[in-house]
Amino acid sequence: ESAETNSTVGGVELAVKLSPDADLAA
């Protein structure tokens, strides 16, 4: 539903809001 990225030195952190029926692994 929404996503917000925060780039750090070691990686990329992506905070997401998912719909209730979302397939997390996919």
PDB file of all heavy atoms in Angstrom:
ATOM      1  N   GLU A   1       0.820  -1.213   0.000  1.00  0.00           N
ATOM      2  CA  GLU A   1       0.000   0.000   0.000  1.00  0.00           C
ATOM      3  C   GLU A   1       0.855   1.263   0.000  1.00  0.00           C
ATOM      4  O   GLU A   1       0.521   2.237  -0.654  1.00  0.00           O
ATOM      5  CB  GLU A   1      -0.936  -0.015   1.208  1.00  0.00           C
ATOM      6  CG  GLU A   1      -1.984  -1.106   1.124  1.00  0.00           C
ATOM      7  CD  GLU A   1      -2.901  -1.143   2.329  1.00  0.00           C
ATOM      8  OE1 GLU A   1      -2.695  -0.357   3.284  1.00  0.00           O
ATOM      9  OE2 GLU A   1      -3.822  -1.976   2.333  1.00  0.00           O
ATOM     10  N   SER A   2       1.946   1.254   0.755  1.00  0.00           N
ATOM     11  CA  SER A   2       2.851   2.398   0.769  1.00  0.00           C
ATOM     12  C   SER A   2       4.253   1.917   1.116  1.00  0.00           C
ATOM     13  O   SER A   2       4.423   0.847   1.709  1.00  0.00           O
ATOM     14  CB  SER A   2       2.394   3.454   1.777  1.00  0.00           C
ATOM     15  OG  SER A   2       2.479   2.947   3.087  1.00  0.00           O
ATOM     16  N   ALA A   3       5.251   2.724   0.719  1.00  0.00           N
ATOM     17  CA  ALA A   3       6.639   2.360   0.975  1.00  0.00           C
ATOM     18  C   ALA A   3       7.462   3.615   1.224  1.00  0.00           C
ATOM     19  O   ALA A   3       7.211   4.658   0.630  1.00  0.00           O
ATOM     20  CB  ALA A   3       7.205   1.588  -0.205  1.00  0.00           C
ATOM     21  N   GLU A   4       8.429   3.471   2.115  1.00  0.00           N
ATOM     22  CA  GLU A   4       9.340   4.567   2.405  1.00  0.00           C
ATOM     23  C   GLU A   4      10.738   3.984   2.593  1.00  0.00           C
ATOM     24  O   GLU A   4      10.939   3.097   3.423  1.00  0.00           O
ATOM     25  CB  GLU A   4       8.904   5.317   3.659  1.00  0.00           C
ATOM     26  CG  GLU A   4       9.742   6.529   3.952  1.00  0.00           C
ATOM     27  CD  GLU A   4       9.260   7.279   5.169  1.00  0.00           C
ATOM     28  OE1 GLU A   4       8.050   7.260   5.448  1.00  0.00           O
ATOM     29  OE2 GLU A   4      10.110   7.873   5.839  1.00  0.00           O
ATOM     30  N   THR A   5      11.690   4.493   1.841  1.00  0.00           N
ATOM     31  CA  THR A   5      13.046   3.976   1.851  1.00  0.00           C
ATOM     32  C   THR A   5      13.956   4.868   2.672  1.00  0.00           C
ATOM     33  O   THR A   5      13.845   6.087   2.641  1.00  0.00           O
ATOM     34  CB  THR A   5      13.593   3.888   0.414  1.00  0.00           C
ATOM     35  OG1 THR A   5      12.674   3.163  -0.381  1.00  0.00           O
ATOM     36  CG2 THR A   5      14.923   3.190   0.373  1.00  0.00           C
ATOM     37  N   ASN A   6      14.876   4.229   3.383  1.00  0.00           N
ATOM     38  CA  ASN A   6      15.917   4.933   4.114  1.00  0.00           C
ATOM     39  C   ASN A   6      17.232   4.240   3.800  1.00  0.00           C
ATOM     40  O   ASN A   6      17.425   3.081   4.148  1.00  0.00           O
ATOM     41  CB  ASN A   6      15.633   4.922   5.619  1.00  0.00           C
ATOM     42  CG  ASN A   6      16.641   5.726   6.396  1.00  0.00           C
ATOM     43  OD1 ASN A   6      17.326   6.580   5.854  1.00  0.00           O
ATOM     44  ND2 ASN A   6      16.739   5.436   7.674  1.00  0.00           N
ATOM     45  N   SER A   7      18.125   4.946   3.141  1.00  0.00           N
ATOM     46  CA  SER A   7      19.409   4.380   2.766  1.00  0.00           C
ATOM     47  C   SER A   7      20.420   4.603   3.875  1.00  0.00           C
ATOM     48  O   SER A   7      20.565   5.706   4.383  1.00  0.00           O
ATOM     49  CB  SER A   7      19.902   5.025   1.470  1.00  0.00           C
ATOM     50  OG  SER A   7      21.103   4.437   1.065  1.00  0.00           O
ATOM     51  N   THR A   8      21.095   3.526   4.273  1.00  0.00           N
ATOM     52  CA  THR A   8      22.135   3.604   5.290  1.00  0.00           C
ATOM     53  C   THR A   8      23.445   3.151   4.669  1.00  0.00           C
ATOM     54  O   THR A   8      23.482   2.720   3.518  1.00  0.00           O
ATOM     55  CB  THR A   8      21.797   2.719   6.502  1.00  0.00           C
ATOM     56  OG1 THR A   8      21.706   1.357   6.070  1.00  0.00           O
ATOM     57  CG2 THR A   8      20.483   3.135   7.146  1.00  0.00           C
ATOM     58  N   VAL A   9      24.514   3.221   5.433  1.00  0.00           N
ATOM     59  CA  VAL A   9      25.825   2.843   4.916  1.00  0.00           C
ATOM     60  C   VAL A   9      25.865   1.352   4.581  1.00  0.00           C
ATOM     61  O   VAL A   9      26.359   0.952   3.541  1.00  0.00           O
ATOM     62  CB  VAL A   9      26.928   3.196   5.945  1.00  0.00           C
ATOM     63  CG1 VAL A   9      28.279   2.706   5.470  1.00  0.00           C
ATOM     64  CG2 VAL A   9      26.952   4.690   6.186  1.00  0.00           C
ATOM     65  N   GLY A  10      25.305   0.510   5.437  1.00  0.00           N
ATOM     66  CA  GLY A  10      25.379  -0.930   5.248  1.00  0.00           C
ATOM     67  C   GLY A  10      24.292  -1.527   4.385  1.00  0.00           C
ATOM     68  O   GLY A  10      24.395  -2.671   3.959  1.00  0.00           O
ATOM     69  N   GLY A  11      23.241  -0.797   4.124  1.00  0.00           N
ATOM     70  CA  GLY A  11      22.147  -1.371   3.357  1.00  0.00           C
ATOM     71  C   GLY A  11      21.043  -0.377   3.100  1.00  0.00           C
ATOM     72  O   GLY A  11      21.196   0.820   3.320  1.00  0.00           O
ATOM     73  N   VAL A  12      19.937  -0.927   2.645  1.00  0.00           N
ATOM     74  CA  VAL A  12      18.760  -0.112   2.355  1.00  0.00           C
ATOM     75  C   VAL A  12      17.610  -0.648   3.190  1.00  0.00           C
ATOM     76  O   VAL A  12      17.294  -1.837   3.132  1.00  0.00           O
ATOM     77  CB  VAL A  12      18.409  -0.174   0.847  1.00  0.00           C
ATOM     78  CG1 VAL A  12      17.150   0.597   0.567  1.00  0.00           C
ATOM     79  CG2 VAL A  12      19.551   0.341   0.004  1.00  0.00           C
ATOM     80  N   GLU A  13      17.004   0.232   3.984  1.00  0.00           N
ATOM     81  CA  GLU A  13      15.860  -0.156   4.804  1.00  0.00           C
ATOM     82  C   GLU A  13      14.594   0.334   4.120  1.00  0.00           C
ATOM     83  O   GLU A  13      14.470   1.513   3.820  1.00  0.00           O
ATOM     84  CB  GLU A  13      15.972   0.459   6.191  1.00  0.00           C
ATOM     85  CG  GLU A  13      14.866   0.042   7.118  1.00  0.00           C
ATOM     86  CD  GLU A  13      15.053   0.585   8.511  1.00  0.00           C
ATOM     87  OE1 GLU A  13      15.950   0.092   9.206  1.00  0.00           O
ATOM     88  OE2 GLU A  13      14.305   1.512   8.879  1.00  0.00           O
ATOM     89  N   LEU A  14      13.694  -0.586   3.864  1.00  0.00           N
ATOM     90  CA  LEU A  14      12.443  -0.259   3.196  1.00  0.00           C
ATOM     91  C   LEU A  14      11.291  -0.571   4.135  1.00  0.00           C
ATOM     92  O   LEU A  14      11.055  -1.726   4.484  1.00  0.00           O
ATOM     93  CB  LEU A  14      12.307  -1.066   1.898  1.00  0.00           C
ATOM     94  CG  LEU A  14      11.067  -0.825   1.071  1.00  0.00           C
ATOM     95  CD1 LEU A  14      11.005   0.622   0.587  1.00  0.00           C
ATOM     96  CD2 LEU A  14      11.035  -1.763  -0.110  1.00  0.00           C
ATOM     97  N   ALA A  15      10.601   0.478   4.580  1.00  0.00           N
ATOM     98  CA  ALA A  15       9.436   0.330   5.457  1.00  0.00           C
ATOM     99  C   ALA A  15       8.192   0.303   4.577  1.00  0.00           C
ATOM    100  O   ALA A  15       7.965   1.230   3.803  1.00  0.00           O
ATOM    101  CB  ALA A  15       9.366   1.473   6.449  1.00  0.00           C
ATOM    102  N   VAL A  16       7.425  -0.777   4.659  1.00  0.00           N
ATOM    103  CA  VAL A  16       6.240  -0.929   3.817  1.00  0.00           C
ATOM    104  C   VAL A  16       5.003  -1.141   4.673  1.00  0.00           C
ATOM    105  O   VAL A  16       5.070  -1.663   5.782  1.00  0.00           O
ATOM    106  CB  VAL A  16       6.394  -2.114   2.832  1.00  0.00           C
ATOM    107  CG1 VAL A  16       7.488  -1.857   1.831  1.00  0.00           C
ATOM    108  CG2 VAL A  16       6.630  -3.416   3.558  1.00  0.00           C
ATOM    109  N   LYS A  17       3.878  -0.726   4.128  1.00  0.00           N
ATOM    110  CA  LYS A  17       2.565  -1.029   4.704  1.00  0.00           C
ATOM    111  C   LYS A  17       1.908  -1.962   3.705  1.00  0.00           C
ATOM    112  O   LYS A  17       1.789  -1.635   2.521  1.00  0.00           O
ATOM    113  CB  LYS A  17       1.749   0.238   4.883  1.00  0.00           C
ATOM    114  CG  LYS A  17       0.416  -0.008   5.563  1.00  0.00           C
ATOM    115  CD  LYS A  17      -0.280   1.308   5.852  1.00  0.00           C
ATOM    116  CE  LYS A  17      -1.523   1.145   6.678  1.00  0.00           C
ATOM    117  NZ  LYS A  17      -2.529   0.289   6.152  1.00  0.00           N
ATOM    118  N   LEU A  18       1.513  -3.139   4.172  1.00  0.00           N
ATOM    119  CA  LEU A  18       0.974  -4.168   3.294  1.00  0.00           C
ATOM    120  C   LEU A  18      -0.536  -4.285   3.455  1.00  0.00           C
ATOM    121  O   LEU A  18      -1.082  -4.005   4.515  1.00  0.00           O
ATOM    122  CB  LEU A  18       1.617  -5.520   3.603  1.00  0.00           C
ATOM    123  CG  LEU A  18       3.126  -5.604   3.481  1.00  0.00           C
ATOM    124  CD1 LEU A  18       3.607  -6.981   3.880  1.00  0.00           C
ATOM    125  CD2 LEU A  18       3.580  -5.269   2.075  1.00  0.00           C
ATOM    126  N   SER A  19      -1.171  -4.757   2.395  1.00  0.00           N
ATOM    127  CA  SER A  19      -2.587  -5.075   2.486  1.00  0.00           C
ATOM    128  C   SER A  19      -2.726  -6.373   3.292  1.00  0.00           C
ATOM    129  O   SER A  19      -1.787  -7.155   3.375  1.00  0.00           O
ATOM    130  CB  SER A  19      -3.189  -5.226   1.086  1.00  0.00           C
ATOM    131  OG  SER A  19      -2.584  -6.307   0.414  1.00  0.00           O
ATOM    132  N   PRO A  20      -3.885  -6.612   3.899  1.00  0.00           N
ATOM    133  CA  PRO A  20      -4.044  -7.799   4.751  1.00  0.00           C
ATOM    134  C   PRO A  20      -3.827  -9.128   4.031  1.00  0.00           C
ATOM    135  O   PRO A  20      -3.426 -10.100   4.647  1.00  0.00           O
ATOM    136  CB  PRO A  20      -5.489  -7.686   5.254  1.00  0.00           C
ATOM    137  CG  PRO A  20      -5.826  -6.251   5.145  1.00  0.00           C
ATOM    138  CD  PRO A  20      -5.054  -5.736   3.973  1.00  0.00           C
ATOM    139  N   ASP A  21      -4.070  -9.182   2.734  1.00  0.00           N
ATOM    140  CA  ASP A  21      -3.915 -10.445   2.007  1.00  0.00           C
ATOM    141  C   ASP A  21      -2.613 -10.516   1.220  1.00  0.00           C
ATOM    142  O   ASP A  21      -2.468 -11.351   0.335  1.00  0.00           O
ATOM    143  CB  ASP A  21      -5.112 -10.651   1.074  1.00  0.00           C
ATOM    144  CG  ASP A  21      -5.245  -9.520   0.064  1.00  0.00           C
ATOM    145  OD1 ASP A  21      -4.685  -8.435   0.306  1.00  0.00           O
ATOM    146  OD2 ASP A  21      -5.905  -9.727  -0.969  1.00  0.00           O
ATOM    147  N   ALA A  22      -1.642  -9.699   1.537  1.00  0.00           N
ATOM    148  CA  ALA A  22      -0.374  -9.647   0.801  1.00  0.00           C
ATOM    149  C   ALA A  22       0.451 -10.909   1.045  1.00  0.00           C
ATOM    150  O   ALA A  22       0.410 -11.508   2.122  1.00  0.00           O
ATOM    151  CB  ALA A  22       0.415  -8.424   1.214  1.00  0.00           C
ATOM    152  N   ASP A  23       1.217 -11.297   0.029  1.00  0.00           N
ATOM    153  CA  ASP A  23       2.130 -12.427   0.118  1.00  0.00           C
ATOM    154  C   ASP A  23       3.518 -11.865   0.419  1.00  0.00           C
ATOM    155  O   ASP A  23       4.197 -11.344  -0.453  1.00  0.00           O
ATOM    156  CB  ASP A  23       2.127 -13.210  -1.197  1.00  0.00           C
ATOM    157  CG  ASP A  23       2.983 -14.455  -1.145  1.00  0.00           C
ATOM    158  OD1 ASP A  23       3.613 -14.717  -0.103  1.00  0.00           O
ATOM    159  OD2 ASP A  23       3.032 -15.169  -2.166  1.00  0.00           O
ATOM    160  N   LEU A  24       3.942 -11.977   1.669  1.00  0.00           N
ATOM    161  CA  LEU A  24       5.169 -11.358   2.143  1.00  0.00           C
ATOM    162  C   LEU A  24       6.406 -11.878   1.411  1.00  0.00           C
ATOM    163  O   LEU A  24       7.273 -11.094   1.007  1.00  0.00           O
ATOM    164  CB  LEU A  24       5.294 -11.580   3.649  1.00  0.00           C
ATOM    165  CG  LEU A  24       6.410 -10.874   4.386  1.00  0.00           C
ATOM    166  CD1 LEU A  24       6.278  -9.365   4.233  1.00  0.00           C
ATOM    167  CD2 LEU A  24       6.391 -11.253   5.857  1.00  0.00           C
ATOM    168  N   ALA A  25       6.505 -13.178   1.224  1.00  0.00           N
ATOM    169  CA  ALA A  25       7.676 -13.757   0.557  1.00  0.00           C
ATOM    170  C   ALA A  25       7.755 -13.310  -0.898  1.00  0.00           C
ATOM    171  O   ALA A  25       8.844 -12.982  -1.400  1.00  0.00           O
ATOM    172  CB  ALA A  25       7.631 -15.281   0.647  1.00  0.00           C
ATOM    173  N   ALA A  26       6.630 -13.288  -1.595  1.00  0.00           N
ATOM    174  CA  ALA A  26       6.630 -12.861  -2.997  1.00  0.00           C
ATOM    175  C   ALA A  26       7.008 -11.390  -3.112  1.00  0.00           C
ATOM    176  O   ALA A  26       7.739 -10.997  -4.036  1.00  0.00           O
ATOM    177  CB  ALA A  26       5.256 -13.104  -3.617  1.00  0.00           C
TER     178      ALA A  26
END
